[in-house]
Amino acid sequence: MSNKFYSILKARFLVNEDAFKNWRFILFLLVLAIIMIANTHSYEKKVFRIAELNNEVKELRSEFVDRRSELMKLKMESTVATKMAEKEIFPSSVPPKKIKVVEEKKEPWYKLW
């Protein structure tokens, strides 16, 4: 038992006559390890990109909400009135009247005869 253990520690299985099979297996394991490392690296890169995009979406959404609230303030009648008062344009004291346009009914040309 201890003799087999010492032969493994001294790596005699790599220099024996049938060492070619062992080397092929070791190279196979090495290639698999490299593929796994590359795959993990790619996965982590994608995860970081997703987190980055989520943060950007949150920032853009908050900016959108801020801009929308600013727009609502600018559209208010009181804000418009104060800005126009600076230019000496004041709101009318007479309310506007609604104009109704009545369309005349035209008879088709073929009913003329």
Protein backbone atom coordinates (compact mmCIF):
# COMPACT_ATOMS: atom_id res chain seq x y z
CA MET A 1 0.00 0.00 0.00
CA SER A 2 2.70 2.48 0.95
CA ASN A 3 4.71 1.46 -2.14
CA LYS A 4 1.81 2.49 -4.44
CA PHE A 5 1.41 5.74 -2.53
CA TYR A 6 5.10 6.60 -2.96
CA SER A 7 4.96 5.77 -6.68
CA ILE A 8 2.05 8.22 -7.09
CA LEU A 9 3.89 10.91 -5.14
CA LYS A 10 7.04 10.40 -7.23
CA ALA A 11 4.91 10.52 -10.44
CA ARG A 12 6.25 7.25 -11.78
CA PHE A 13 3.02 6.77 -13.69
CA LEU A 14 4.18 9.55 -16.02
CA VAL A 15 7.50 7.92 -17.00
CA ASN A 16 6.52 4.24 -17.28
CA GLU A 17 6.18 2.34 -20.56
CA ASP A 18 2.39 2.94 -20.74
CA ALA A 19 2.74 6.61 -19.76
CA PHE A 20 1.41 7.77 -23.15
CA LYS A 21 -2.17 6.86 -22.11
CA ASN A 22 -1.75 8.78 -18.88
CA TRP A 23 -0.39 11.83 -20.66
CA ARG A 24 -3.32 11.80 -23.10
CA PHE A 25 -5.77 11.66 -20.20
CA ILE A 26 -3.95 14.48 -18.39
CA LEU A 27 -3.99 16.63 -21.53
CA PHE A 28 -7.69 15.87 -21.95
CA LEU A 29 -8.36 17.00 -18.37
CA LEU A 30 -6.24 20.10 -18.95
CA VAL A 31 -8.23 21.05 -22.07
CA LEU A 32 -11.50 20.51 -20.19
CA ALA A 33 -10.25 22.73 -17.35
CA ILE A 34 -9.31 25.49 -19.81
CA ILE A 35 -12.73 25.27 -21.47
CA MET A 36 -14.47 25.46 -18.07
CA ILE A 37 -12.41 28.48 -17.05
CA ALA A 38 -13.19 30.26 -20.33
CA ASN A 39 -16.88 29.43 -19.98
CA THR A 40 -16.97 30.75 -16.40
CA HIS A 41 -15.17 33.92 -17.47
CA SER A 42 -17.69 34.49 -20.27
CA TYR A 43 -20.61 33.88 -17.89
CA GLU A 44 -19.28 36.35 -15.31
CA LYS A 45 -18.67 38.93 -18.03
CA LYS A 46 -22.32 38.63 -19.09
CA VAL A 47 -23.54 38.87 -15.49
CA PHE A 48 -21.55 42.07 -14.96
CA ARG A 49 -22.89 43.51 -18.21
CA ILE A 50 -26.48 42.71 -17.16
CA ALA A 51 -25.93 44.40 -13.78
CA GLU A 52 -24.44 47.42 -15.53
CA LEU A 53 -27.39 47.66 -17.91
CA ASN A 54 -29.87 47.34 -15.03
CA ASN A 55 -28.18 50.26 -13.26
CA GLU A 56 -28.30 52.29 -16.45
CA VAL A 57 -32.02 51.53 -16.85
CA LYS A 58 -32.68 52.68 -13.29
CA GLU A 59 -30.76 55.91 -13.89
CA LEU A 60 -32.58 56.59 -17.15
CA ARG A 61 -35.96 55.88 -15.56
CA SER A 62 -35.27 58.31 -12.71
CA GLU A 63 -34.08 60.93 -15.21
CA PHE A 64 -37.29 60.39 -17.20
CA VAL A 65 -39.42 60.91 -14.10
CA ASP A 66 -37.50 64.09 -13.24
CA ARG A 67 -37.90 65.49 -16.75
CA ARG A 68 -41.58 64.62 -16.82
CA SER A 69 -42.18 66.43 -13.51
CA GLU A 70 -40.28 69.47 -14.83
CA LEU A 71 -42.42 69.43 -17.95
CA MET A 72 -45.60 69.25 -15.88
CA LYS A 73 -44.45 72.28 -13.88
CA LEU A 74 -43.66 74.20 -17.06
CA LYS A 75 -47.07 73.40 -18.54
CA MET A 76 -48.97 74.72 -15.53
CA GLU A 77 -50.99 77.85 -16.20
CA SER A 78 -49.41 79.76 -13.32
CA THR A 79 -45.89 79.09 -14.62
CA VAL A 80 -46.85 80.15 -18.12
CA ALA A 81 -48.53 83.30 -16.76
CA THR A 82 -45.43 84.32 -14.77
CA LYS A 83 -43.14 83.75 -17.77
CA MET A 84 -45.46 85.77 -20.01
CA ALA A 85 -45.73 88.55 -17.39
CA GLU A 86 -41.97 89.01 -17.72
CA LYS A 87 -42.57 89.76 -21.41
CA GLU A 88 -45.51 92.01 -20.49
CA ILE A 89 -48.11 89.66 -21.92
CA PHE A 90 -51.02 89.16 -19.54
CA PRO A 91 -53.91 86.70 -19.59
CA SER A 92 -57.19 87.96 -21.04
CA SER A 93 -59.91 89.04 -18.65
CA VAL A 94 -62.57 87.99 -21.16
CA PRO A 95 -62.98 84.24 -21.46
CA PRO A 96 -62.61 82.75 -24.92
CA LYS A 97 -65.67 81.91 -27.00
CA LYS A 98 -66.10 78.67 -28.81
CA ILE A 99 -66.53 78.99 -32.54
CA LYS A 100 -68.71 76.37 -34.20
CA VAL A 101 -68.34 75.78 -37.90
CA VAL A 102 -71.43 74.39 -39.54
CA GLU A 103 -70.75 72.50 -42.71
CA GLU A 104 -73.20 73.07 -45.54
CA LYS A 105 -74.69 69.98 -47.01
CA LYS A 106 -74.04 69.86 -50.69
CA GLU A 107 -76.24 67.81 -52.88
CA PRO A 108 -74.48 65.39 -55.14
CA TRP A 109 -74.18 66.47 -58.78
CA TYR A 110 -76.11 63.46 -60.10
CA LYS A 111 -79.27 64.55 -58.24
CA LEU A 112 -79.38 67.79 -60.20
CA TRP A 113 -81.09 66.15 -63.20
